[in-house]
Protein backbone atom coordinates (compact mmCIF):
# COMPACT_ATOMS: atom_id res chain seq x y z
CA MET A 1 -0.15 0.13 0.31
CA ILE A 2 1.58 3.31 -1.03
CA PRO A 3 1.54 5.80 2.18
CA ARG A 4 -0.56 8.83 1.75
CA VAL A 5 1.29 11.93 1.59
CA THR A 6 -0.33 15.14 2.26
CA SER A 7 0.20 19.23 2.22
CA GLY A 8 -1.99 20.21 4.97
CA PRO A 9 -1.95 19.52 8.57
CA ASN A 10 -1.52 15.91 9.72
CA GLY A 11 -4.90 15.70 11.61
CA LEU A 12 -3.25 15.44 14.86
CA SER A 13 -3.72 18.24 17.53
CA GLY A 14 -1.01 20.17 18.98
CA ASP A 15 -1.02 18.68 22.27
CA GLU A 16 -1.17 15.27 20.92
CA ALA A 17 1.58 16.13 18.57
CA LEU A 18 4.17 17.33 21.13
CA ARG A 19 3.48 13.89 23.49
CA LEU A 20 3.93 11.58 20.22
CA ALA A 21 7.30 13.68 19.80
CA ALA A 22 8.28 13.41 23.66
CA GLU A 23 7.76 9.67 23.47
CA ARG A 24 10.08 9.20 20.21
CA ALA A 25 12.82 11.56 21.61
CA ALA A 26 12.77 9.61 24.83
CA SER A 27 14.49 6.69 22.58
CA THR A 28 16.08 8.48 19.71
CA GLY A 29 17.26 11.72 20.75
CA THR A 30 20.23 10.34 22.65
CA ARG A 31 21.16 8.34 19.48
CA ASN A 32 23.20 9.79 16.86
CA LEU A 33 25.54 8.91 14.08
CA PRO A 34 29.10 6.60 14.79
CA GLU A 35 31.84 9.05 14.14
CA PHE A 36 35.57 8.95 14.16
CA THR A 37 36.63 10.65 17.07
CA ASP A 38 40.12 11.39 15.26
CA LEU A 39 38.55 13.48 12.35
CA PRO A 40 40.30 16.83 12.48
CA ILE A 41 36.82 18.36 11.38
CA PRO A 42 33.68 18.24 12.82
CA GLY A 43 31.51 14.86 12.15
CA ASP A 44 28.21 14.86 10.36
CA THR A 45 24.82 14.86 12.54
CA ALA A 46 21.43 13.37 12.06
CA ASN A 47 20.47 14.87 15.71
CA LEU A 48 19.64 18.48 16.00
CA ARG A 49 20.47 18.04 19.43
CA GLU A 50 24.29 17.79 18.90
CA GLY A 51 27.06 19.07 16.75
CA PRO A 52 27.03 21.96 14.36
CA GLN A 53 23.81 24.10 13.79
CA LEU A 54 21.62 23.49 10.94
CA HIS A 55 22.26 26.43 8.23
CA PRO A 56 19.57 28.72 8.07
CA GLN A 57 19.28 27.97 4.34
CA CYS A 58 18.23 24.44 5.59
CA LEU A 59 15.46 25.20 8.05
CA ALA A 60 12.92 23.87 5.38
CA LEU A 61 13.83 20.47 5.42
CA LEU A 62 15.02 20.73 9.05
CA PRO A 63 12.05 17.70 9.73
CA LEU A 64 13.59 15.34 7.14
CA VAL A 65 17.16 15.34 9.38
CA GLY A 66 17.78 12.00 10.78
CA VAL A 67 17.92 8.18 10.40
CA TRP A 68 14.73 6.58 9.52
CA ARG A 69 14.14 2.60 9.05
CA GLY A 70 11.12 0.64 7.73
CA GLU A 71 9.51 -1.33 5.00
CA GLY A 72 8.16 -0.77 1.70
CA GLU A 73 7.25 -1.63 -1.32
CA ILE A 74 8.39 -1.56 -4.90
CA VAL A 75 6.38 -2.49 -8.23
CA TYR A 76 6.56 -1.96 -12.12
CA PRO A 77 5.61 -3.65 -15.28
CA THR A 78 8.94 -5.12 -15.97
CA ILE A 79 9.11 -6.96 -12.48
CA ASP A 80 7.15 -9.91 -10.98
CA GLY A 81 6.29 -7.84 -8.14
CA PRO A 82 5.36 -6.19 -6.23
CA TYR A 83 8.36 -6.79 -3.89
CA ARG A 84 8.46 -6.30 -0.06
CA PHE A 85 11.90 -4.12 0.74
CA GLY A 86 13.32 -2.98 3.97
CA GLN A 87 15.06 0.21 3.95
CA GLN A 88 17.55 2.74 6.02
CA VAL A 89 17.82 6.83 5.20
CA VAL A 90 20.20 8.55 6.67
CA ILE A 91 19.69 12.46 6.23
CA CYS A 92 22.21 14.47 8.47
CA HIS A 93 24.77 17.90 8.14
CA ASP A 94 27.94 19.62 8.94
CA GLY A 95 26.42 23.31 9.53
CA ARG A 96 27.08 23.73 5.63
CA PRO A 97 23.77 24.73 3.68
CA PHE A 98 23.00 21.42 2.09
CA LEU A 99 22.15 17.84 3.88
CA ARG A 100 24.07 14.78 3.39
CA TYR A 101 22.11 12.00 2.06
CA GLU A 102 22.21 7.79 2.02
CA SER A 103 19.75 5.40 1.65
CA ARG A 104 20.42 1.44 1.70
CA ALA A 105 17.34 -1.62 0.81
CA TRP A 106 17.17 -4.94 1.20
CA LEU A 107 14.76 -6.93 -0.26
CA LEU A 108 12.55 -9.34 2.24
CA ASP A 109 10.51 -12.56 1.92
CA ASP A 110 6.63 -12.53 2.99
CA SER A 111 7.47 -13.47 6.42
CA GLY A 112 10.10 -10.62 6.87
CA LYS A 113 13.13 -12.41 6.59
CA VAL A 114 16.15 -10.90 4.93
CA ILE A 115 17.00 -12.08 1.09
CA ARG A 116 19.67 -9.98 0.12
CA PRO A 117 20.79 -6.53 0.04
CA ALA A 118 19.51 -4.38 -2.96
CA ALA A 119 19.10 -0.57 -3.73
CA ARG A 120 21.64 1.82 -2.53
CA GLU A 121 22.30 5.87 -3.33
CA THR A 122 23.73 8.45 -2.15
CA GLY A 123 23.90 12.09 -2.73
CA PHE A 124 22.68 15.85 -1.24
CA TRP A 125 19.73 17.99 -0.98
CA ARG A 126 20.77 21.57 -1.70
CA PRO A 127 18.05 24.13 -0.89
CA GLN A 128 18.44 27.23 -2.24
CA ALA A 129 17.35 30.81 -1.06
CA ASP A 130 14.28 30.88 -3.60
CA ASP A 131 13.02 28.22 -1.61
CA THR A 132 13.99 25.81 -4.42
CA ILE A 133 15.71 22.44 -3.74
CA GLU A 134 18.31 20.28 -5.59
CA LEU A 135 18.61 16.87 -4.97
CA LEU A 136 21.50 14.86 -6.37
CA ALA A 137 21.58 11.06 -6.22
CA ALA A 138 24.24 8.71 -7.41
CA HIS A 139 22.75 4.90 -7.74
CA GLY A 140 24.84 2.05 -7.24
CA THR A 141 23.68 0.58 -10.47
CA GLY A 142 25.51 3.38 -12.74
CA ILE A 143 22.84 6.05 -12.57
CA ILE A 144 23.18 9.48 -11.50
CA GLU A 145 19.80 12.09 -11.31
CA LEU A 146 19.75 15.44 -10.34
CA TYR A 147 16.09 16.63 -9.14
CA TYR A 148 14.47 20.26 -8.37
CA GLY A 149 11.38 21.00 -6.31
CA GLN A 150 10.14 23.04 -3.77
CA PRO A 151 8.16 22.58 -0.15
CA ARG A 152 4.67 21.80 -0.69
CA SER A 153 4.72 22.51 3.30
CA GLN A 154 6.26 22.62 6.34
CA THR A 155 6.33 18.76 6.46
CA SER A 156 6.28 17.74 2.87
CA TRP A 157 8.70 18.10 -0.42
CA GLU A 158 8.02 17.55 -4.43
CA LEU A 159 10.84 16.91 -6.26
CA ALA A 160 11.14 15.54 -9.76
CA THR A 161 14.40 14.70 -12.38
CA ASP A 162 15.70 17.79 -14.85
CA ALA A 163 18.67 15.46 -16.15
CA VAL A 164 19.21 11.71 -15.76
CA VAL A 165 22.61 10.27 -16.97
CA ARG A 166 23.79 6.63 -16.65
CA SER A 167 26.36 4.27 -17.11
CA SER A 168 27.32 2.67 -20.67
CA SER A 169 26.37 -0.87 -18.19
CA ALA A 170 22.87 1.05 -16.36
CA LYS A 171 19.41 0.26 -17.21
CA GLU A 172 17.69 2.78 -19.29
CA VAL A 173 16.02 5.56 -17.22
CA THR A 174 14.32 9.08 -18.46
CA GLY A 175 12.73 10.58 -15.22
CA ALA A 176 11.49 10.08 -11.80
CA HIS A 177 9.28 11.96 -9.76
CA ARG A 178 9.53 12.13 -5.64
CA LEU A 179 7.49 13.08 -2.65
CA TYR A 180 8.55 13.00 0.76
CA GLY A 181 6.67 14.05 4.05
CA VAL A 182 6.32 13.77 7.38
CA VAL A 183 2.82 11.96 8.02
CA GLU A 184 0.49 10.95 11.33
CA GLY A 185 2.29 9.72 14.22
CA GLY A 186 5.94 11.63 13.00
CA ASP A 187 6.68 8.66 10.72
CA LEU A 188 8.71 9.81 7.01
CA ALA A 189 6.55 8.06 3.81
CA TYR A 190 8.07 8.31 0.56
CA VAL A 191 6.75 7.39 -2.99
CA GLU A 192 8.53 7.44 -6.60
CA GLN A 193 7.56 7.08 -10.07
CA ARG A 194 9.72 6.34 -12.22
CA ALA A 195 9.78 6.18 -16.10
CA MET A 196 12.56 3.67 -17.27
CA VAL A 197 13.06 0.27 -19.37
CA GLY A 198 10.66 1.87 -22.43
CA GLN A 199 7.91 2.59 -19.66
CA PRO A 200 5.98 5.62 -19.25
CA MET A 201 6.31 7.17 -15.79
CA GLN A 202 4.06 5.55 -13.14
CA PRO A 203 4.67 4.44 -9.41
CA HIS A 204 7.64 2.13 -8.86
CA VAL A 205 8.27 2.76 -5.10
CA SER A 206 6.54 3.46 -1.52
CA THR A 207 8.08 3.16 1.80
CA LEU A 208 6.92 4.25 5.53
CA LEU A 209 9.75 5.17 7.60
CA HIS A 210 10.00 5.46 11.29
CA ARG A 211 12.56 7.90 13.12
CA VAL A 212 15.68 6.05 15.04
CA VAL A 213 17.95 8.64 15.63
CA GLY A 214 17.28 12.38 15.94
């Protein structure tokens, strides 16, 4: 099932939202990324309570900062699925006007057992002064994508590819569209449409992730 990401309020009262945030922080607020303590410069932080201050230019992306983990589903006409998968997303910063992004996924069987590692991507969210968001994403499959987008609200963001570059060994990808949103309960929902291997733009990935750091 594709999580519903909206651009409006999530339906919670202010008091209820604060209560849920406090409950989550009891287990996630003391965690952060592992780091090399002998690094001569500050390490990245996925916890806004620690490390360098978030750059003012990144404030529109503040709710995304953290480590998120959960499950999702992959569908496409060219595969036998739908397939179930697990995913971890890291969104962190070092005080400069961009966020570092990393995603790791693994295929699951019907019982939730891990089958094997799956998709990996890494990149940067680069918010601009006019509220435009640039997202650069490099995939382990030999594809590099440049997205442009904007916030839809304080807790949702929509992006679409402006350019796709692929290596000679990568499969054909012509475009993608992504929607991220913090939904009721504070989880991060993510849906992606993709045009590839001769198929038109259509749903491909949906994920619901829970905060584990931050």
